[in-house]
Amino acid sequence: MNETNNQIIQLESEIADTMTALKKMESFYGNLKDTLSDNNDPRNAITLSEIFVNYYTCLETIFFRISTFFENNLPKDRWHAELLLKMKLSINGIRQAVISDQTYHILDEFRRFRHFKRYYFQFLYDWDKLDFLQKKFEQLLDSIHEEFGLFLNFFVSVKNSSVI
């Protein structure tokens, strides 16, 4: 087995580990979802926001590994936005898109929310925004595993080809 195939196998394993972590967060969310509807309790807002931020950060970490494997060129300023944008691109002769345009737009909401949350130190969250993000999160749960599955199938097709 050549070095590139070894690197592909390693990246596949990293993606699988990430998917396992995502499923654990999804399960945690699913178990708490019905108890988080009290908009007067700041603990619910904090819990929801942490779930959203951690979920996005987990995805961004694997996106960074994918980008490093295939492209390895992100600008120092705005690299978070650029990284997410690259994941919806199919790069001819290099790799297929990791996520769809629809998933990109959903994840961009979470990327911006994470940036906001890093600098927000109050306990008065905007529940309209959290309700919106909760709807987007549930849409994301329908698509992200399928899209990563398609991306992993791409690896199967290129392991012994000259695409990489």
Protein backbone atom coordinates (compact mmCIF):
# COMPACT_ATOMS: atom_id res chain seq x y z
CA MET A 1 0.00 0.00 0.00
CA ASN A 2 1.41 3.40 -0.94
CA GLU A 3 1.82 6.43 1.33
CA THR A 4 -1.17 8.25 -0.17
CA ASN A 5 -3.47 5.31 0.56
CA ASN A 6 -2.16 5.22 4.13
CA GLN A 7 -2.96 8.91 4.48
CA ILE A 8 -6.44 8.35 3.02
CA ILE A 9 -7.06 5.52 5.49
CA GLN A 10 -5.96 7.78 8.34
CA LEU A 11 -8.27 10.57 7.18
CA GLU A 12 -11.13 8.09 6.83
CA SER A 13 -10.53 7.03 10.44
CA GLU A 14 -10.49 10.64 11.60
CA ILE A 15 -13.79 11.28 9.80
CA ALA A 16 -15.29 8.14 11.37
CA ASP A 17 -14.17 9.30 14.84
CA THR A 18 -15.69 12.69 14.18
CA MET A 19 -18.96 11.12 13.09
CA THR A 20 -19.02 9.11 16.32
CA ALA A 21 -18.50 12.28 18.35
CA LEU A 22 -21.26 14.03 16.39
CA LYS A 23 -23.67 11.17 17.04
CA LYS A 24 -22.95 11.40 20.78
CA MET A 25 -23.75 15.12 20.71
CA GLU A 26 -26.89 14.43 18.68
CA SER A 27 -27.98 11.85 21.25
CA PHE A 28 -27.31 14.31 24.08
CA TYR A 29 -29.37 16.93 22.27
CA GLY A 30 -32.15 14.43 21.55
CA ASN A 31 -32.37 13.46 25.21
CA LEU A 32 -32.58 17.09 26.33
CA LYS A 33 -34.51 18.65 23.46
CA ASP A 34 -37.91 18.54 25.13
CA THR A 35 -36.61 19.93 28.43
CA LEU A 36 -34.95 22.94 26.79
CA SER A 37 -38.17 24.69 25.82
CA ASP A 38 -38.35 26.91 28.93
CA ASN A 39 -37.20 30.21 27.44
CA ASN A 40 -37.02 31.83 30.87
CA ASP A 41 -34.25 29.57 32.13
CA PRO A 42 -30.78 30.79 31.12
CA ARG A 43 -29.40 27.28 31.74
CA ASN A 44 -31.39 26.08 28.74
CA ALA A 45 -29.92 28.81 26.55
CA ILE A 46 -26.41 28.03 27.74
CA THR A 47 -26.91 24.31 27.14
CA LEU A 48 -28.31 24.82 23.64
CA SER A 49 -25.60 27.26 22.69
CA GLU A 50 -22.88 24.92 23.93
CA ILE A 51 -24.33 22.04 21.93
CA PHE A 52 -24.40 24.20 18.79
CA VAL A 53 -20.89 25.56 19.29
CA ASN A 54 -19.37 22.16 20.12
CA TYR A 55 -21.09 20.49 17.19
CA TYR A 56 -19.86 23.13 14.76
CA THR A 57 -16.33 23.05 16.20
CA CYS A 58 -16.24 19.28 15.80
CA LEU A 59 -17.21 19.64 12.13
CA GLU A 60 -14.76 22.47 11.57
CA THR A 61 -11.94 20.33 12.95
CA ILE A 62 -12.55 17.57 10.43
CA PHE A 63 -13.02 20.14 7.66
CA PHE A 64 -9.59 21.52 8.55
CA ARG A 65 -8.07 18.02 8.30
CA ILE A 66 -9.73 17.47 4.93
CA SER A 67 -8.54 20.85 3.67
CA THR A 68 -5.01 20.17 4.87
CA PHE A 69 -4.99 16.80 3.14
CA PHE A 70 -6.19 18.17 -0.20
CA GLU A 71 -5.35 21.87 -0.44
CA ASN A 72 -3.49 23.19 2.58
CA ASN A 73 -3.90 26.85 1.75
CA LEU A 74 -6.12 28.92 3.98
CA PRO A 75 -5.66 32.65 4.48
CA LYS A 76 -4.66 33.73 7.97
CA ASP A 77 -7.49 36.24 8.20
CA ARG A 78 -11.03 34.88 7.85
CA TRP A 79 -9.78 31.30 7.58
CA HIS A 80 -12.85 29.96 9.38
CA ALA A 81 -15.18 31.38 6.71
CA GLU A 82 -12.85 30.31 3.89
CA LEU A 83 -12.55 26.79 5.26
CA LEU A 84 -16.31 26.33 5.32
CA LEU A 85 -16.62 27.77 1.82
CA LYS A 86 -14.02 25.30 0.51
CA MET A 87 -15.98 22.37 1.87
CA LYS A 88 -18.87 23.04 -0.53
CA LEU A 89 -16.55 23.19 -3.52
CA SER A 90 -15.88 20.30 -5.81
CA ILE A 91 -12.26 20.72 -6.91
CA ASN A 92 -11.82 19.15 -10.34
CA GLY A 93 -9.19 16.44 -10.32
CA ILE A 94 -8.66 16.72 -6.58
CA ARG A 95 -11.80 16.01 -4.57
CA GLN A 96 -15.56 16.21 -4.58
CA ALA A 97 -17.49 18.60 -2.37
CA VAL A 98 -17.78 17.52 1.25
CA ILE A 99 -21.07 19.32 1.91
CA SER A 100 -23.94 20.64 -0.19
CA ASP A 101 -24.80 24.30 -0.70
CA GLN A 102 -27.78 23.87 1.63
CA THR A 103 -25.61 22.41 4.40
CA TYR A 104 -23.05 25.16 3.83
CA HIS A 105 -25.68 27.84 4.51
CA ILE A 106 -26.86 26.08 7.65
CA LEU A 107 -23.31 25.65 8.95
CA ASP A 108 -22.48 29.26 8.18
CA GLU A 109 -25.21 30.25 10.65
CA PHE A 110 -23.48 28.14 13.31
CA ARG A 111 -20.05 29.51 12.41
CA ARG A 112 -21.32 33.06 12.92
CA PHE A 113 -23.11 32.07 16.13
CA ARG A 114 -19.93 30.53 17.52
CA HIS A 115 -18.06 33.76 16.81
CA PHE A 116 -20.80 35.73 18.59
CA LYS A 117 -20.84 33.37 21.56
CA ARG A 118 -17.10 33.60 22.11
CA TYR A 119 -17.52 37.27 22.93
CA TYR A 120 -20.95 37.22 24.60
CA PHE A 121 -20.71 37.05 28.36
CA GLN A 122 -24.32 37.70 29.35
CA PHE A 123 -27.03 35.24 30.28
CA LEU A 124 -29.82 36.95 28.35
CA TYR A 125 -29.86 35.02 25.10
CA ASP A 126 -32.05 35.89 22.14
CA TRP A 127 -34.51 33.01 22.17
CA ASP A 128 -35.75 33.85 18.67
CA LYS A 129 -32.21 33.23 17.44
CA LEU A 130 -31.85 30.05 19.51
CA ASP A 131 -35.20 28.75 18.21
CA PHE A 132 -34.04 29.51 14.66
CA LEU A 133 -30.74 27.72 15.26
CA GLN A 134 -32.55 24.77 16.78
CA LYS A 135 -34.61 24.40 13.57
CA LYS A 136 -31.44 24.67 11.49
CA PHE A 137 -29.69 22.15 13.71
CA GLU A 138 -32.44 19.62 13.17
CA GLN A 139 -32.23 20.19 9.40
CA LEU A 140 -28.48 19.64 9.62
CA LEU A 141 -28.96 16.34 11.41
CA ASP A 142 -30.88 15.11 8.38
CA SER A 143 -28.07 15.87 5.94
CA ILE A 144 -24.63 15.85 7.51
CA HIS A 145 -24.21 12.08 7.92
CA GLU A 146 -25.45 11.41 4.40
CA GLU A 147 -23.05 13.98 2.95
CA PHE A 148 -20.08 12.61 4.88
CA GLY A 149 -21.07 9.13 3.70
CA LEU A 150 -20.93 10.31 0.10
CA PHE A 151 -17.55 11.90 0.74
CA LEU A 152 -16.21 8.67 2.27
CA ASN A 153 -17.47 6.79 -0.81
CA PHE A 154 -15.35 9.16 -2.86
CA PHE A 155 -12.28 7.80 -1.04
CA VAL A 156 -13.20 4.25 -1.99
CA SER A 157 -13.24 5.26 -5.63
CA VAL A 158 -9.85 6.99 -5.56
CA LYS A 159 -7.70 4.77 -3.37
CA ASN A 160 -6.24 2.97 -6.34
CA SER A 161 -6.65 5.66 -8.96
CA SER A 162 -4.53 8.62 -9.90
CA VAL A 163 -7.03 11.26 -8.74
CA ILE A 164 -5.00 12.01 -5.60
